[in-house]
Amino acid sequence: MNYLTLEIATENGDRVYAIDQETQAVTSTASTSVFALASGSIDVLDERVIITLSGETSSTPLSRISREDYLMIPDKTTTGTPSQFYIDHSVLNTPTMYLWPVADAAATITYDRMRFIQDAVALSDTADVRRIWLDTLAWGLALRLAQKFNVERIDTCEKAYSKALAIAKMESRARSAIVIEARGFGRSRHRRA
């Protein structure tokens, strides 16, 4: 199941990772201005990191800075309302977020994170895919089993898998009201042979 999920994700570019929204409470101490991202995180989406001060209804976006920029900050203990963040990837599978300046009041950080698709470990686990892909997974598993144990069913399973895959890909495509068409510049010339 895990290999099939990974194969579908990489071949179709649909879901090599998932995106979740997470929150982190921050108090007015330096220790809470540095925290590990939620378990399984790969990175955060830059455009969706916001801070909301306690008691406030409006949120303020935070800007991402590079490792170089963070290291160049002379006083990392300066306090105020955080306006920037740096993600440290030096510890494998445990990205850490550093806020600057250090929060001087209680606040909540909200961020969208990219995470790995969860593996199926037990038969009772639910596949970590959108529902539209469940039929594709079922027929893909049936096809793999038919290839090993019931060769007569391969043709039936291949057709059903292809149909389910096409439907899932069609339903998973990005939808936009904008259509961009490109046409060549200048005149087109045709040659006769």
Protein backbone atom coordinates (compact mmCIF):
# COMPACT_ATOMS: atom_id res chain seq x y z
CA MET A 1 0.00 0.00 0.00
CA ASN A 2 2.77 2.43 0.93
CA TYR A 3 4.71 1.73 -2.27
CA LEU A 4 1.57 2.16 -4.35
CA THR A 5 0.73 5.47 -2.65
CA LEU A 6 4.26 6.73 -3.24
CA GLU A 7 4.20 5.56 -6.86
CA ILE A 8 0.89 7.33 -7.56
CA ALA A 9 2.14 10.50 -5.87
CA THR A 10 5.45 10.67 -7.70
CA GLU A 11 4.17 9.63 -11.14
CA ASN A 12 1.17 11.92 -11.09
CA GLY A 13 2.61 14.78 -9.07
CA ASP A 14 -0.57 14.91 -7.05
CA ARG A 15 0.55 14.40 -3.48
CA VAL A 16 4.12 13.74 -2.54
CA TYR A 17 3.32 15.65 0.63
CA ALA A 18 0.25 16.96 2.43
CA ILE A 19 -0.47 20.44 3.77
CA ASP A 20 -1.93 21.02 7.25
CA GLN A 21 -2.51 24.10 9.34
CA GLU A 22 -0.86 24.15 12.76
CA THR A 23 -0.80 26.62 15.65
CA GLN A 24 1.82 27.29 18.29
CA ALA A 25 1.35 29.26 21.50
CA VAL A 26 4.09 31.79 22.21
CA THR A 27 4.59 33.49 25.57
CA SER A 28 6.82 36.39 26.53
CA THR A 29 9.84 34.17 27.19
CA ALA A 30 12.73 33.55 24.85
CA SER A 31 12.31 29.76 25.09
CA THR A 32 8.92 29.82 23.33
CA SER A 33 10.23 31.94 20.46
CA VAL A 34 12.17 28.86 19.32
CA PHE A 35 10.11 25.71 18.76
CA ALA A 36 10.11 22.50 16.76
CA LEU A 37 7.47 22.30 14.05
CA ALA A 38 4.73 19.70 14.46
CA SER A 39 5.88 16.10 14.11
CA GLY A 40 6.36 14.94 10.52
CA SER A 41 6.84 18.45 9.14
CA ILE A 42 9.04 19.07 6.12
CA ASP A 43 8.78 22.87 5.94
CA VAL A 44 6.30 25.75 6.16
CA LEU A 45 4.61 27.66 3.37
CA ASP A 46 6.05 31.16 3.59
CA GLU A 47 2.96 33.10 2.60
CA ARG A 48 0.86 31.62 5.38
CA VAL A 49 2.73 32.30 8.64
CA ILE A 50 0.86 34.76 10.83
CA ILE A 51 0.97 35.94 14.43
CA THR A 52 -2.04 36.92 16.48
CA LEU A 53 -1.41 38.69 19.78
CA SER A 54 -3.57 37.58 22.72
CA GLY A 55 -6.74 39.61 22.92
CA GLU A 56 -6.40 40.88 19.33
CA THR A 57 -8.68 39.96 16.45
CA SER A 58 -6.34 40.88 13.61
CA SER A 59 -3.31 38.89 12.52
CA THR A 60 0.04 40.03 11.16
CA PRO A 61 2.01 38.08 8.55
CA LEU A 62 5.60 37.11 9.32
CA SER A 63 8.41 37.27 6.75
CA ARG A 64 10.77 34.38 6.23
CA ILE A 65 14.49 35.11 6.44
CA SER A 66 17.42 32.95 5.41
CA ARG A 67 19.90 31.27 7.74
CA GLU A 68 22.49 33.89 6.77
CA ASP A 69 20.13 36.75 7.63
CA TYR A 70 19.23 35.16 10.97
CA LEU A 71 22.87 34.60 11.90
CA MET A 72 23.66 38.23 10.99
CA ILE A 73 21.20 39.56 13.61
CA PRO A 74 23.54 40.96 16.28
CA ASP A 75 21.17 40.62 19.27
CA LYS A 76 18.83 37.64 19.02
CA THR A 77 17.36 38.44 22.46
CA THR A 78 15.73 41.72 21.33
CA THR A 79 12.07 41.67 22.34
CA GLY A 80 8.99 42.96 20.57
CA THR A 81 6.29 41.62 18.29
CA PRO A 82 7.88 38.97 16.04
CA SER A 83 7.98 40.03 12.40
CA GLN A 84 10.38 37.47 10.95
CA PHE A 85 11.06 33.76 11.21
CA TYR A 86 13.82 31.40 10.21
CA ILE A 87 13.41 27.63 9.72
CA ASP A 88 16.42 25.56 10.79
CA HIS A 89 16.63 22.21 8.96
CA SER A 90 19.90 21.08 10.55
CA VAL A 91 18.26 18.36 12.68
CA LEU A 92 16.89 15.59 10.45
CA ASN A 93 13.06 15.38 10.45
CA THR A 94 12.77 18.11 13.10
CA PRO A 95 12.62 21.58 11.52
CA THR A 96 12.80 24.34 14.12
CA MET A 97 11.22 27.80 13.83
CA TYR A 98 13.08 30.81 15.26
CA LEU A 99 11.06 34.00 15.74
CA TRP A 100 12.63 37.44 15.75
CA PRO A 101 12.33 39.64 17.65
CA VAL A 102 11.56 37.46 20.68
CA ALA A 103 7.88 37.80 21.63
CA ASP A 104 7.26 40.28 24.46
CA ALA A 105 3.60 39.26 24.86
CA ALA A 106 1.53 36.09 24.57
CA ALA A 107 0.57 35.27 21.01
CA THR A 108 -0.38 32.45 18.67
CA ILE A 109 1.59 31.55 15.55
CA THR A 110 -0.47 29.94 12.79
CA TYR A 111 1.33 28.29 9.90
CA ASP A 112 0.65 25.95 7.01
CA ARG A 113 3.13 23.12 6.99
CA MET A 114 4.13 20.54 4.42
CA ARG A 115 4.32 17.04 5.84
CA PHE A 116 5.04 13.60 4.53
CA ILE A 117 2.10 11.36 3.67
CA GLN A 118 1.65 8.94 6.55
CA ASP A 119 2.46 5.30 5.97
CA ALA A 120 -0.12 2.61 6.52
CA VAL A 121 1.19 0.48 9.37
CA ALA A 122 -1.80 -1.69 10.35
CA LEU A 123 -4.73 -3.09 8.38
CA SER A 124 -7.04 -0.82 10.37
CA ASP A 125 -5.21 2.37 9.23
CA THR A 126 -6.99 4.77 6.93
CA ALA A 127 -5.04 5.74 3.82
CA ASP A 128 -3.64 9.29 4.07
CA VAL A 129 -5.09 10.36 0.71
CA ARG A 130 -8.09 12.34 -0.43
CA ARG A 131 -11.22 10.20 -0.81
CA ILE A 132 -11.17 10.53 -4.58
CA TRP A 133 -7.98 8.40 -4.60
CA LEU A 134 -9.34 5.50 -2.51
CA ASP A 135 -10.80 3.62 -5.52
CA THR A 136 -7.48 4.05 -7.34
CA LEU A 137 -5.62 2.57 -4.38
CA ALA A 138 -8.04 -0.36 -4.13
CA TRP A 139 -7.75 -1.24 -7.82
CA GLY A 140 -4.00 -0.68 -7.77
CA LEU A 141 -3.65 -3.16 -4.92
CA ALA A 142 -5.96 -5.60 -6.70
CA LEU A 143 -3.80 -5.32 -9.82
CA ARG A 144 -0.61 -6.01 -7.88
CA LEU A 145 -2.18 -9.02 -6.17
CA ALA A 146 -3.53 -10.32 -9.49
CA GLN A 147 -0.04 -10.09 -10.98
CA LYS A 148 1.20 -12.43 -8.26
CA PHE A 149 -1.72 -14.72 -7.47
CA ASN A 150 -4.43 -14.56 -10.16
CA VAL A 151 -3.07 -13.84 -13.63
CA GLU A 152 -6.52 -14.25 -15.25
CA ARG A 153 -7.74 -11.09 -13.48
CA ILE A 154 -4.90 -8.80 -14.58
CA ASP A 155 -6.80 -7.42 -17.60
CA THR A 156 -9.93 -6.61 -15.54
CA CYS A 157 -7.88 -4.99 -12.77
CA GLU A 158 -5.76 -2.96 -15.22
CA LYS A 159 -8.86 -1.50 -16.89
CA ALA A 160 -10.52 -0.66 -13.56
CA TYR A 161 -7.27 0.83 -12.18
CA SER A 162 -6.75 2.97 -15.31
CA LYS A 163 -10.33 4.24 -15.14
CA ALA A 164 -10.11 5.04 -11.40
CA LEU A 165 -6.73 6.74 -11.92
CA ALA A 166 -8.09 8.90 -14.76
CA ILE A 167 -11.10 9.97 -12.66
CA ALA A 168 -8.92 10.79 -9.62
CA LYS A 169 -6.46 12.79 -11.74
CA MET A 170 -9.32 14.72 -13.36
CA GLU A 171 -10.89 15.56 -10.00
CA SER A 172 -7.53 16.51 -8.46
CA ARG A 173 -6.51 19.01 -11.11
CA ALA A 174 -6.16 22.65 -10.16
CA ARG A 175 -9.17 24.72 -11.01
CA SER A 176 -8.82 28.33 -12.03
CA ALA A 177 -10.95 30.87 -13.83
CA ILE A 178 -7.85 32.12 -15.65
CA VAL A 179 -6.82 30.57 -18.93
CA ILE A 180 -3.48 31.51 -20.46
CA GLU A 181 -2.81 30.70 -24.07
CA ALA A 182 0.48 31.17 -25.85
CA ARG A 183 0.80 31.83 -29.52
CA GLY A 184 3.90 32.27 -31.59
CA PHE A 185 5.21 35.71 -32.39
CA GLY A 186 5.51 36.96 -35.91
CA ARG A 187 4.16 35.28 -38.98
CA SER A 188 3.97 31.62 -39.51
CA ARG A 189 5.58 30.34 -42.68
CA HIS A 190 4.88 27.00 -44.22
CA ARG A 191 7.29 25.31 -46.55
CA ARG A 192 6.34 22.87 -49.17
CA ALA A 193 8.57 19.92 -49.67
